[in-house]
Amino acid sequence: MTEEIKFEDALTRLEEIVEKLEEGDLPLEESLSAFEEGIKLSRVCAKLLNEAERKVEILTKGEDGQLIAKPFEEELPEDDESE
């Protein structure tokens, strides 16, 4: 579920969790559950930010100095030379 969430939604939910934990009113079990959800959301946010950063890095200048966008593709290992 958290893997398909949008960055903004994950960040908003993470902020809600932090506020609840900072209040200190949650029972221990609920605090642990909220903390676990927060860790998962922070990892999702980090992953989405890393992907966005890699996409931005793909923007390069062409020969005429204009920025061009290249399609983003995962780099595959170059071990497979069987072709």
N, C-alpha and C. Protein backbone atom coordinates (compact mmCIF):
# COMPACT_ATOMS: atom_id res chain seq x y z
N MET A 1 0.82 -1.20 0.00
CA MET A 1 0.00 0.00 0.00
C MET A 1 0.86 1.26 0.00
N THR A 2 1.85 1.33 0.90
CA THR A 2 2.67 2.54 0.98
C THR A 2 3.53 2.73 -0.26
N GLU A 3 3.79 1.67 -1.02
CA GLU A 3 4.60 1.80 -2.22
C GLU A 3 3.87 2.55 -3.33
N GLU A 4 2.54 2.57 -3.32
CA GLU A 4 1.77 3.20 -4.38
C GLU A 4 1.28 4.59 -3.99
N ILE A 5 1.64 5.06 -2.82
CA ILE A 5 1.16 6.34 -2.33
C ILE A 5 1.95 7.47 -2.98
N LYS A 6 1.29 8.60 -3.18
CA LYS A 6 1.97 9.78 -3.73
C LYS A 6 2.84 10.40 -2.65
N PHE A 7 3.92 11.05 -3.09
CA PHE A 7 4.87 11.66 -2.15
C PHE A 7 4.16 12.62 -1.20
N GLU A 8 3.34 13.51 -1.73
CA GLU A 8 2.68 14.52 -0.91
C GLU A 8 1.77 13.88 0.14
N ASP A 9 1.07 12.82 -0.25
CA ASP A 9 0.19 12.12 0.69
C ASP A 9 1.00 11.43 1.78
N ALA A 10 2.11 10.81 1.40
CA ALA A 10 2.97 10.14 2.37
C ALA A 10 3.55 11.15 3.35
N LEU A 11 3.98 12.29 2.84
CA LEU A 11 4.57 13.31 3.70
C LEU A 11 3.53 13.88 4.66
N THR A 12 2.33 14.11 4.17
CA THR A 12 1.26 14.63 5.03
C THR A 12 0.95 13.64 6.14
N ARG A 13 0.84 12.36 5.79
CA ARG A 13 0.56 11.33 6.81
C ARG A 13 1.71 11.23 7.80
N LEU A 14 2.93 11.33 7.32
CA LEU A 14 4.10 11.27 8.19
C LEU A 14 4.09 12.43 9.18
N GLU A 15 3.72 13.62 8.71
CA GLU A 15 3.63 14.78 9.60
C GLU A 15 2.56 14.57 10.67
N GLU A 16 1.43 13.95 10.29
CA GLU A 16 0.38 13.66 11.26
C GLU A 16 0.88 12.71 12.34
N ILE A 17 1.62 11.70 11.91
CA ILE A 17 2.16 10.71 12.86
C ILE A 17 3.13 11.38 13.83
N VAL A 18 4.00 12.22 13.30
CA VAL A 18 4.97 12.92 14.15
C VAL A 18 4.24 13.77 15.19
N GLU A 19 3.21 14.48 14.76
CA GLU A 19 2.45 15.32 15.71
C GLU A 19 1.85 14.46 16.82
N LYS A 20 1.24 13.33 16.46
CA LYS A 20 0.64 12.46 17.46
C LYS A 20 1.69 11.92 18.43
N LEU A 21 2.82 11.53 17.89
CA LEU A 21 3.88 10.99 18.75
C LEU A 21 4.45 12.08 19.66
N GLU A 22 4.56 13.29 19.14
CA GLU A 22 5.09 14.39 19.95
C GLU A 22 4.16 14.77 21.10
N GLU A 23 2.85 14.58 20.89
CA GLU A 23 1.88 14.88 21.95
C GLU A 23 2.09 13.94 23.13
N GLY A 24 2.50 12.72 22.87
CA GLY A 24 2.78 11.78 23.94
C GLY A 24 1.57 11.17 24.60
N ASP A 25 0.40 11.30 24.00
CA ASP A 25 -0.83 10.80 24.61
C ASP A 25 -1.20 9.39 24.17
N LEU A 26 -0.48 8.82 23.22
CA LEU A 26 -0.83 7.50 22.72
C LEU A 26 -0.32 6.41 23.66
N PRO A 27 -1.10 5.35 23.81
CA PRO A 27 -0.59 4.20 24.56
C PRO A 27 0.62 3.60 23.83
N LEU A 28 1.40 2.84 24.55
CA LEU A 28 2.64 2.29 24.02
C LEU A 28 2.44 1.53 22.72
N GLU A 29 1.46 0.65 22.66
CA GLU A 29 1.22 -0.16 21.46
C GLU A 29 0.87 0.72 20.26
N GLU A 30 0.05 1.72 20.47
CA GLU A 30 -0.31 2.63 19.38
C GLU A 30 0.89 3.47 18.95
N SER A 31 1.71 3.86 19.91
CA SER A 31 2.93 4.62 19.59
C SER A 31 3.86 3.79 18.73
N LEU A 32 4.04 2.53 19.09
CA LEU A 32 4.91 1.64 18.31
C LEU A 32 4.37 1.42 16.91
N SER A 33 3.06 1.25 16.81
CA SER A 33 2.43 1.05 15.51
C SER A 33 2.58 2.31 14.64
N ALA A 34 2.36 3.47 15.24
CA ALA A 34 2.50 4.73 14.52
C ALA A 34 3.95 4.94 14.09
N PHE A 35 4.89 4.61 14.98
CA PHE A 35 6.31 4.75 14.65
C PHE A 35 6.68 3.84 13.48
N GLU A 36 6.18 2.61 13.50
CA GLU A 36 6.44 1.67 12.40
C GLU A 36 5.89 2.20 11.08
N GLU A 37 4.68 2.72 11.11
CA GLU A 37 4.09 3.30 9.90
C GLU A 37 4.91 4.50 9.43
N GLY A 38 5.37 5.31 10.38
CA GLY A 38 6.18 6.46 10.04
C GLY A 38 7.50 6.07 9.38
N ILE A 39 8.13 5.02 9.86
CA ILE A 39 9.38 4.53 9.26
C ILE A 39 9.13 4.09 7.83
N LYS A 40 8.05 3.35 7.61
CA LYS A 40 7.71 2.89 6.25
C LYS A 40 7.46 4.08 5.33
N LEU A 41 6.72 5.07 5.82
CA LEU A 41 6.43 6.25 5.01
C LEU A 41 7.69 7.05 4.72
N SER A 42 8.59 7.14 5.69
CA SER A 42 9.83 7.89 5.45
C SER A 42 10.68 7.19 4.40
N ARG A 43 10.66 5.87 4.38
CA ARG A 43 11.40 5.12 3.36
C ARG A 43 10.78 5.33 1.98
N VAL A 44 9.46 5.35 1.92
CA VAL A 44 8.77 5.60 0.65
C VAL A 44 9.11 7.00 0.15
N CYS A 45 9.08 7.99 1.05
CA CYS A 45 9.41 9.36 0.66
C CYS A 45 10.84 9.44 0.15
N ALA A 46 11.76 8.79 0.84
CA ALA A 46 13.17 8.81 0.42
C ALA A 46 13.33 8.17 -0.95
N LYS A 47 12.62 7.06 -1.18
CA LYS A 47 12.70 6.37 -2.47
C LYS A 47 12.17 7.27 -3.59
N LEU A 48 11.02 7.90 -3.35
CA LEU A 48 10.43 8.77 -4.36
C LEU A 48 11.31 9.99 -4.63
N LEU A 49 11.92 10.53 -3.59
CA LEU A 49 12.83 11.66 -3.78
C LEU A 49 14.06 11.25 -4.58
N ASN A 50 14.60 10.07 -4.29
CA ASN A 50 15.76 9.57 -5.04
C ASN A 50 15.41 9.38 -6.52
N GLU A 51 14.23 8.83 -6.78
CA GLU A 51 13.81 8.63 -8.17
C GLU A 51 13.65 9.98 -8.89
N ALA A 52 13.07 10.94 -8.19
CA ALA A 52 12.90 12.27 -8.79
C ALA A 52 14.26 12.91 -9.05
N GLU A 53 15.19 12.76 -8.12
CA GLU A 53 16.52 13.32 -8.31
C GLU A 53 17.21 12.70 -9.52
N ARG A 54 17.08 11.40 -9.68
CA ARG A 54 17.69 10.73 -10.83
C ARG A 54 17.07 11.20 -12.13
N LYS A 55 15.76 11.44 -12.13
CA LYS A 55 15.11 11.94 -13.33
C LYS A 55 15.61 13.33 -13.69
N VAL A 56 15.80 14.16 -12.68
CA VAL A 56 16.30 15.51 -12.92
C VAL A 56 17.72 15.45 -13.47
N GLU A 57 18.53 14.54 -12.95
CA GLU A 57 19.90 14.42 -13.42
C GLU A 57 19.99 13.98 -14.87
N ILE A 58 18.93 13.37 -15.37
CA ILE A 58 18.93 12.92 -16.75
C ILE A 58 18.82 14.10 -17.71
N LEU A 59 18.29 15.20 -17.21
CA LEU A 59 18.23 16.40 -18.06
C LEU A 59 19.66 16.83 -18.38
N THR A 60 19.96 16.94 -19.64
CA THR A 60 21.31 17.33 -20.04
C THR A 60 21.22 18.41 -21.09
N LYS A 61 22.32 19.07 -21.29
CA LYS A 61 22.37 20.09 -22.33
C LYS A 61 22.75 19.46 -23.65
N GLY A 62 22.04 19.83 -24.69
CA GLY A 62 22.36 19.37 -26.02
C GLY A 62 23.51 20.19 -26.59
N GLU A 63 23.89 19.88 -27.80
CA GLU A 63 24.99 20.58 -28.45
C GLU A 63 24.72 22.07 -28.61
N ASP A 64 23.44 22.45 -28.72
CA ASP A 64 23.10 23.85 -28.90
C ASP A 64 22.92 24.58 -27.56
N GLY A 65 23.20 23.91 -26.45
CA GLY A 65 23.09 24.53 -25.14
C GLY A 65 21.71 24.44 -24.52
N GLN A 66 20.75 23.94 -25.27
CA GLN A 66 19.39 23.79 -24.76
C GLN A 66 19.29 22.54 -23.90
N LEU A 67 18.46 22.61 -22.88
CA LEU A 67 18.22 21.43 -22.05
C LEU A 67 17.32 20.47 -22.81
N ILE A 68 17.69 19.21 -22.79
CA ILE A 68 16.85 18.18 -23.39
C ILE A 68 16.58 17.12 -22.34
N ALA A 69 15.45 16.49 -22.44
CA ALA A 69 15.09 15.43 -21.50
C ALA A 69 15.32 14.09 -22.18
N LYS A 70 15.99 13.20 -21.46
CA LYS A 70 16.19 11.85 -21.95
C LYS A 70 15.27 10.94 -21.16
N PRO A 71 14.74 9.89 -21.77
CA PRO A 71 13.86 8.99 -21.02
C PRO A 71 14.62 8.35 -19.87
N PHE A 72 13.95 8.22 -18.74
CA PHE A 72 14.52 7.61 -17.56
C PHE A 72 14.38 6.10 -17.65
N GLU A 73 15.48 5.43 -17.55
CA GLU A 73 15.46 3.96 -17.55
C GLU A 73 16.38 3.47 -16.46
N GLU A 74 15.97 2.41 -15.81
CA GLU A 74 16.82 1.80 -14.81
C GLU A 74 18.07 1.27 -15.49
N GLU A 75 19.21 1.48 -14.86
CA GLU A 75 20.43 0.94 -15.42
C GLU A 75 20.45 -0.56 -15.15
N LEU A 76 20.72 -1.30 -16.21
CA LEU A 76 20.78 -2.75 -16.08
C LEU A 76 22.23 -3.18 -15.99
N PRO A 77 22.49 -4.26 -15.28
CA PRO A 77 23.87 -4.75 -15.22
C PRO A 77 24.38 -5.10 -16.61
N GLU A 78 25.63 -4.81 -16.88
CA GLU A 78 26.20 -5.06 -18.19
C GLU A 78 26.81 -6.45 -18.28
N ASP A 79 26.45 -7.32 -17.35
CA ASP A 79 26.99 -8.67 -17.33
C ASP A 79 26.46 -9.51 -18.48
N ASP A 80 25.24 -9.19 -18.94
CA ASP A 80 24.58 -10.01 -19.95
C ASP A 80 25.07 -9.63 -21.33
N GLU A 81 26.14 -10.26 -21.78
CA GLU A 81 26.69 -10.00 -23.11
C GLU A 81 26.43 -11.17 -24.04
N SER A 82 25.35 -11.90 -23.78
CA SER A 82 25.04 -13.10 -24.57
C SER A 82 24.37 -12.80 -25.89
N GLU A 83 24.06 -11.52 -26.16
CA GLU A 83 23.36 -11.18 -27.39
C GLU A 83 24.29 -11.14 -28.57
